[in-house]
Amino acid sequence: MGNLLRKTYAKIDTGAIENNVRAIRAHIGERSEVMAVVKADAYGHGAVKVARAALS
């Protein structure tokens, strides 16, 4: 039986995160705030990078 494991990676599109937050803000209005929850180091993708994208 061969090696069933293979290298995998995930590409995080911070631009998509930024666009999603903009869309949410447009939907909820100016008087509401958005709070992003970044769990478990963004599941290994870098909490700081993901959080900054959500805040921009």
PDB file of N, CA and C in Angstrom:
ATOM      1  N   MET A   1       0.853  -1.174   0.000  1.00  0.00           N
ATOM      2  CA  MET A   1       0.000   0.000   0.000  1.00  0.00           C
ATOM      3  C   MET A   1       0.900   1.238   0.000  1.00  0.00           C
ATOM      4  N   GLY A   2       0.644   2.141  -0.898  1.00  0.00           N
ATOM      5  CA  GLY A   2       1.462   3.343  -1.020  1.00  0.00           C
ATOM      6  C   GLY A   2       1.146   4.370   0.056  1.00  0.00           C
ATOM      7  N   ASN A   3       1.869   5.455   0.016  1.00  0.00           N
ATOM      8  CA  ASN A   3       1.653   6.549   0.962  1.00  0.00           C
ATOM      9  C   ASN A   3       0.355   7.268   0.600  1.00  0.00           C
ATOM     10  N   LEU A   4      -0.607   7.240   1.502  1.00  0.00           N
ATOM     11  CA  LEU A   4      -1.903   7.860   1.247  1.00  0.00           C
ATOM     12  C   LEU A   4      -1.929   9.342   1.628  1.00  0.00           C
ATOM     13  N   LEU A   5      -0.866   9.815   2.275  1.00  0.00           N
ATOM     14  CA  LEU A   5      -0.812  11.214   2.674  1.00  0.00           C
ATOM     15  C   LEU A   5      -0.183  12.048   1.565  1.00  0.00           C
ATOM     16  N   ARG A   6      -0.690  13.230   1.390  1.00  0.00           N
ATOM     17  CA  ARG A   6      -0.106  14.139   0.404  1.00  0.00           C
ATOM     18  C   ARG A   6      -0.055  15.534   0.996  1.00  0.00           C
ATOM     19  N   LYS A   7       0.858  16.315   0.493  1.00  0.00           N
ATOM     20  CA  LYS A   7       0.968  17.680   0.976  1.00  0.00           C
ATOM     21  C   LYS A   7      -0.234  18.482   0.505  1.00  0.00           C
ATOM     22  N   THR A   8      -0.774  19.264   1.414  1.00  0.00           N
ATOM     23  CA  THR A   8      -1.896  20.136   1.065  1.00  0.00           C
ATOM     24  C   THR A   8      -1.597  21.552   1.530  1.00  0.00           C
ATOM     25  N   TYR A   9      -2.276  22.477   0.943  1.00  0.00           N
ATOM     26  CA  TYR A   9      -2.131  23.876   1.361  1.00  0.00           C
ATOM     27  C   TYR A   9      -3.446  24.590   1.118  1.00  0.00           C
ATOM     28  N   ALA A  10      -3.598  25.689   1.784  1.00  0.00           N
ATOM     29  CA  ALA A  10      -4.776  26.528   1.597  1.00  0.00           C
ATOM     30  C   ALA A  10      -4.300  27.942   1.302  1.00  0.00           C
ATOM     31  N   LYS A  11      -4.823  28.530   0.279  1.00  0.00           N
ATOM     32  CA  LYS A  11      -4.498  29.910  -0.060  1.00  0.00           C
ATOM     33  C   LYS A  11      -5.612  30.790   0.484  1.00  0.00           C
ATOM     34  N   ILE A  12      -5.260  31.706   1.382  1.00  0.00           N
ATOM     35  CA  ILE A  12      -6.243  32.591   1.995  1.00  0.00           C
ATOM     36  C   ILE A  12      -6.281  33.888   1.203  1.00  0.00           C
ATOM     37  N   ASP A  13      -7.426  34.210   0.673  1.00  0.00           N
ATOM     38  CA  ASP A  13      -7.611  35.428  -0.117  1.00  0.00           C
ATOM     39  C   ASP A  13      -8.071  36.544   0.816  1.00  0.00           C
ATOM     40  N   THR A  14      -7.104  37.336   1.300  1.00  0.00           N
ATOM     41  CA  THR A  14      -7.460  38.403   2.233  1.00  0.00           C
ATOM     42  C   THR A  14      -8.334  39.460   1.566  1.00  0.00           C
ATOM     43  N   GLY A  15      -8.209  39.608   0.268  1.00  0.00           N
ATOM     44  CA  GLY A  15      -9.091  40.522  -0.460  1.00  0.00           C
ATOM     45  C   GLY A  15     -10.541  40.086  -0.364  1.00  0.00           C
ATOM     46  N   ALA A  16     -10.783  38.786  -0.395  1.00  0.00           N
ATOM     47  CA  ALA A  16     -12.143  38.272  -0.259  1.00  0.00           C
ATOM     48  C   ALA A  16     -12.684  38.536   1.142  1.00  0.00           C
ATOM     49  N   ILE A  17     -11.818  38.403   2.148  1.00  0.00           N
ATOM     50  CA  ILE A  17     -12.240  38.712   3.519  1.00  0.00           C
ATOM     51  C   ILE A  17     -12.639  40.180   3.611  1.00  0.00           C
ATOM     52  N   GLU A  18     -11.809  41.046   3.058  1.00  0.00           N
ATOM     53  CA  GLU A  18     -12.109  42.482   3.066  1.00  0.00           C
ATOM     54  C   GLU A  18     -13.422  42.782   2.360  1.00  0.00           C
ATOM     55  N   ASN A  19     -13.645  42.174   1.205  1.00  0.00           N
ATOM     56  CA  ASN A  19     -14.893  42.385   0.452  1.00  0.00           C
ATOM     57  C   ASN A  19     -16.106  41.876   1.228  1.00  0.00           C
ATOM     58  N   ASN A  20     -15.960  40.747   1.892  1.00  0.00           N
ATOM     59  CA  ASN A  20     -17.071  40.194   2.673  1.00  0.00           C
ATOM     60  C   ASN A  20     -17.457  41.131   3.816  1.00  0.00           C
ATOM     61  N   VAL A  21     -16.454  41.680   4.500  1.00  0.00           N
ATOM     62  CA  VAL A  21     -16.744  42.596   5.607  1.00  0.00           C
ATOM     63  C   VAL A  21     -17.393  43.872   5.077  1.00  0.00           C
ATOM     64  N   ARG A  22     -16.925  44.365   3.937  1.00  0.00           N
ATOM     65  CA  ARG A  22     -17.562  45.547   3.323  1.00  0.00           C
ATOM     66  C   ARG A  22     -19.025  45.269   2.996  1.00  0.00           C
ATOM     67  N   ALA A  23     -19.300  44.099   2.463  1.00  0.00           N
ATOM     68  CA  ALA A  23     -20.681  43.736   2.121  1.00  0.00           C
ATOM     69  C   ALA A  23     -21.557  43.648   3.368  1.00  0.00           C
ATOM     70  N   ILE A  24     -21.004  43.091   4.431  1.00  0.00           N
ATOM     71  CA  ILE A  24     -21.759  43.015   5.689  1.00  0.00           C
ATOM     72  C   ILE A  24     -22.045  44.413   6.208  1.00  0.00           C
ATOM     73  N   ARG A  25     -21.025  45.274   6.196  1.00  0.00           N
ATOM     74  CA  ARG A  25     -21.218  46.648   6.677  1.00  0.00           C
ATOM     75  C   ARG A  25     -22.271  47.387   5.852  1.00  0.00           C
ATOM     76  N   ALA A  26     -22.270  47.183   4.551  1.00  0.00           N
ATOM     77  CA  ALA A  26     -23.262  47.836   3.695  1.00  0.00           C
ATOM     78  C   ALA A  26     -24.672  47.343   4.028  1.00  0.00           C
ATOM     79  N   HIS A  27     -24.761  46.094   4.419  1.00  0.00           N
ATOM     80  CA  HIS A  27     -26.066  45.500   4.716  1.00  0.00           C
ATOM     81  C   HIS A  27     -26.610  45.933   6.080  1.00  0.00           C
ATOM     82  N   ILE A  28     -25.739  46.054   7.076  1.00  0.00           N
ATOM     83  CA  ILE A  28     -26.217  46.338   8.436  1.00  0.00           C
ATOM     84  C   ILE A  28     -26.321  47.827   8.744  1.00  0.00           C
ATOM     85  N   GLY A  29     -25.704  48.673   7.926  1.00  0.00           N
ATOM     86  CA  GLY A  29     -25.801  50.109   8.138  1.00  0.00           C
ATOM     87  C   GLY A  29     -24.665  50.678   8.972  1.00  0.00           C
ATOM     88  N   GLU A  30     -24.580  51.988   8.956  1.00  0.00           N
ATOM     89  CA  GLU A  30     -23.470  52.689   9.601  1.00  0.00           C
ATOM     90  C   GLU A  30     -23.529  52.650  11.125  1.00  0.00           C
ATOM     91  N   ARG A  31     -24.694  52.517  11.693  1.00  0.00           N
ATOM     92  CA  ARG A  31     -24.838  52.587  13.153  1.00  0.00           C
ATOM     93  C   ARG A  31     -24.446  51.289  13.852  1.00  0.00           C
ATOM     94  N   SER A  32     -24.240  50.245  13.100  1.00  0.00           N
ATOM     95  CA  SER A  32     -23.861  48.950  13.677  1.00  0.00           C
ATOM     96  C   SER A  32     -22.365  48.720  13.501  1.00  0.00           C
ATOM     97  N   GLU A  33     -21.811  47.901  14.368  1.00  0.00           N
ATOM     98  CA  GLU A  33     -20.405  47.557  14.283  1.00  0.00           C
ATOM     99  C   GLU A  33     -20.252  46.090  13.925  1.00  0.00           C
ATOM    100  N   VAL A  34     -19.111  45.757  13.357  1.00  0.00           N
ATOM    101  CA  VAL A  34     -18.791  44.380  12.995  1.00  0.00           C
ATOM    102  C   VAL A  34     -17.690  43.898  13.929  1.00  0.00           C
ATOM    103  N   MET A  35     -17.837  42.690  14.462  1.00  0.00           N
ATOM    104  CA  MET A  35     -16.794  42.089  15.273  1.00  0.00           C
ATOM    105  C   MET A  35     -16.385  40.771  14.614  1.00  0.00           C
ATOM    106  N   ALA A  36     -15.152  40.700  14.197  1.00  0.00           N
ATOM    107  CA  ALA A  36     -14.640  39.468  13.590  1.00  0.00           C
ATOM    108  C   ALA A  36     -14.064  38.580  14.682  1.00  0.00           C
ATOM    109  N   VAL A  37     -14.395  37.312  14.646  1.00  0.00           N
ATOM    110  CA  VAL A  37     -13.859  36.334  15.587  1.00  0.00           C
ATOM    111  C   VAL A  37     -12.907  35.444  14.809  1.00  0.00           C
ATOM    112  N   VAL A  38     -11.646  35.485  15.193  1.00  0.00           N
ATOM    113  CA  VAL A  38     -10.620  34.679  14.519  1.00  0.00           C
ATOM    114  C   VAL A  38     -10.205  33.594  15.507  1.00  0.00           C
ATOM    115  N   LYS A  39     -10.564  32.373  15.201  1.00  0.00           N
ATOM    116  CA  LYS A  39     -10.347  31.260  16.121  1.00  0.00           C
ATOM    117  C   LYS A  39      -9.098  30.467  15.749  1.00  0.00           C
ATOM    118  N   ALA A  40      -8.449  29.934  16.745  1.00  0.00           N
ATOM    119  CA  ALA A  40      -7.381  28.939  16.583  1.00  0.00           C
ATOM    120  C   ALA A  40      -6.343  29.353  15.550  1.00  0.00           C
ATOM    121  N   ASP A  41      -5.806  30.550  15.712  1.00  0.00           N
ATOM    122  CA  ASP A  41      -4.811  31.083  14.774  1.00  0.00           C
ATOM    123  C   ASP A  41      -5.340  31.023  13.343  1.00  0.00           C
ATOM    124  N   ALA A  42      -6.625  31.338  13.190  1.00  0.00           N
ATOM    125  CA  ALA A  42      -7.296  31.269  11.881  1.00  0.00           C
ATOM    126  C   ALA A  42      -7.117  29.879  11.278  1.00  0.00           C
ATOM    127  N   TYR A  43      -7.260  28.882  12.137  1.00  0.00           N
ATOM    128  CA  TYR A  43      -7.077  27.478  11.756  1.00  0.00           C
ATOM    129  C   TYR A  43      -5.727  27.246  11.086  1.00  0.00           C
ATOM    130  N   GLY A  44      -4.700  27.881  11.653  1.00  0.00           N
ATOM    131  CA  GLY A  44      -3.336  27.686  11.178  1.00  0.00           C
ATOM    132  C   GLY A  44      -2.919  28.600  10.046  1.00  0.00           C
ATOM    133  N   HIS A  45      -3.749  29.553   9.685  1.00  0.00           N
ATOM    134  CA  HIS A  45      -3.437  30.423   8.559  1.00  0.00           C
ATOM    135  C   HIS A  45      -2.948  31.803   8.975  1.00  0.00           C
ATOM    136  N   GLY A  46      -2.789  32.025  10.253  1.00  0.00           N
ATOM    137  CA  GLY A  46      -2.249  33.289  10.727  1.00  0.00           C
ATOM    138  C   GLY A  46      -3.327  34.246  11.212  1.00  0.00           C
ATOM    139  N   ALA A  47      -3.524  34.269  12.509  1.00  0.00           N
ATOM    140  CA  ALA A  47      -4.590  35.088  13.088  1.00  0.00           C
ATOM    141  C   ALA A  47      -4.389  36.567  12.801  1.00  0.00           C
ATOM    142  N   VAL A  48      -3.160  37.046  12.883  1.00  0.00           N
ATOM    143  CA  VAL A  48      -2.907  38.474  12.697  1.00  0.00           C
ATOM    144  C   VAL A  48      -3.240  38.894  11.269  1.00  0.00           C
ATOM    145  N   LYS A  49      -2.801  38.119  10.298  1.00  0.00           N
ATOM    146  CA  LYS A  49      -3.060  38.461   8.888  1.00  0.00           C
ATOM    147  C   LYS A  49      -4.562  38.456   8.588  1.00  0.00           C
ATOM    148  N   VAL A  50      -5.263  37.452   9.071  1.00  0.00           N
ATOM    149  CA  VAL A  50      -6.702  37.350   8.823  1.00  0.00           C
ATOM    150  C   VAL A  50      -7.451  38.458   9.557  1.00  0.00           C
ATOM    151  N   ALA A  51      -7.066  38.736  10.797  1.00  0.00           N
ATOM    152  CA  ALA A  51      -7.728  39.788  11.567  1.00  0.00           C
ATOM    153  C   ALA A  51      -7.518  41.160  10.936  1.00  0.00           C
ATOM    154  N   ARG A  52      -6.313  41.419  10.467  1.00  0.00           N
ATOM    155  CA  ARG A  52      -6.052  42.704   9.802  1.00  0.00           C
ATOM    156  C   ARG A  52      -6.905  42.866   8.552  1.00  0.00           C
ATOM    157  N   ALA A  53      -7.073  41.794   7.809  1.00  0.00           N
ATOM    158  CA  ALA A  53      -7.915  41.854   6.611  1.00  0.00           C
ATOM    159  C   ALA A  53      -9.358  42.161   6.991  1.00  0.00           C
ATOM    160  N   ALA A  54      -9.826  41.579   8.083  1.00  0.00           N
ATOM    161  CA  ALA A  54     -11.204  41.810   8.523  1.00  0.00           C
ATOM    162  C   ALA A  54     -11.402  43.232   9.024  1.00  0.00           C
ATOM    163  N   LEU A  55     -10.360  43.825   9.588  1.00  0.00           N
ATOM    164  CA  LEU A  55     -10.475  45.170  10.138  1.00  0.00           C
ATOM    165  C   LEU A  55     -10.278  46.273   9.103  1.00  0.00           C
ATOM    166  N   SER A  56      -9.699  45.946   7.963  1.00  0.00           N
ATOM    167  CA  SER A  56      -9.414  46.989   6.971  1.00  0.00           C
ATOM    168  C   SER A  56     -10.630  47.389   6.172  1.00  0.00           C
TER     169      SER A  56
END
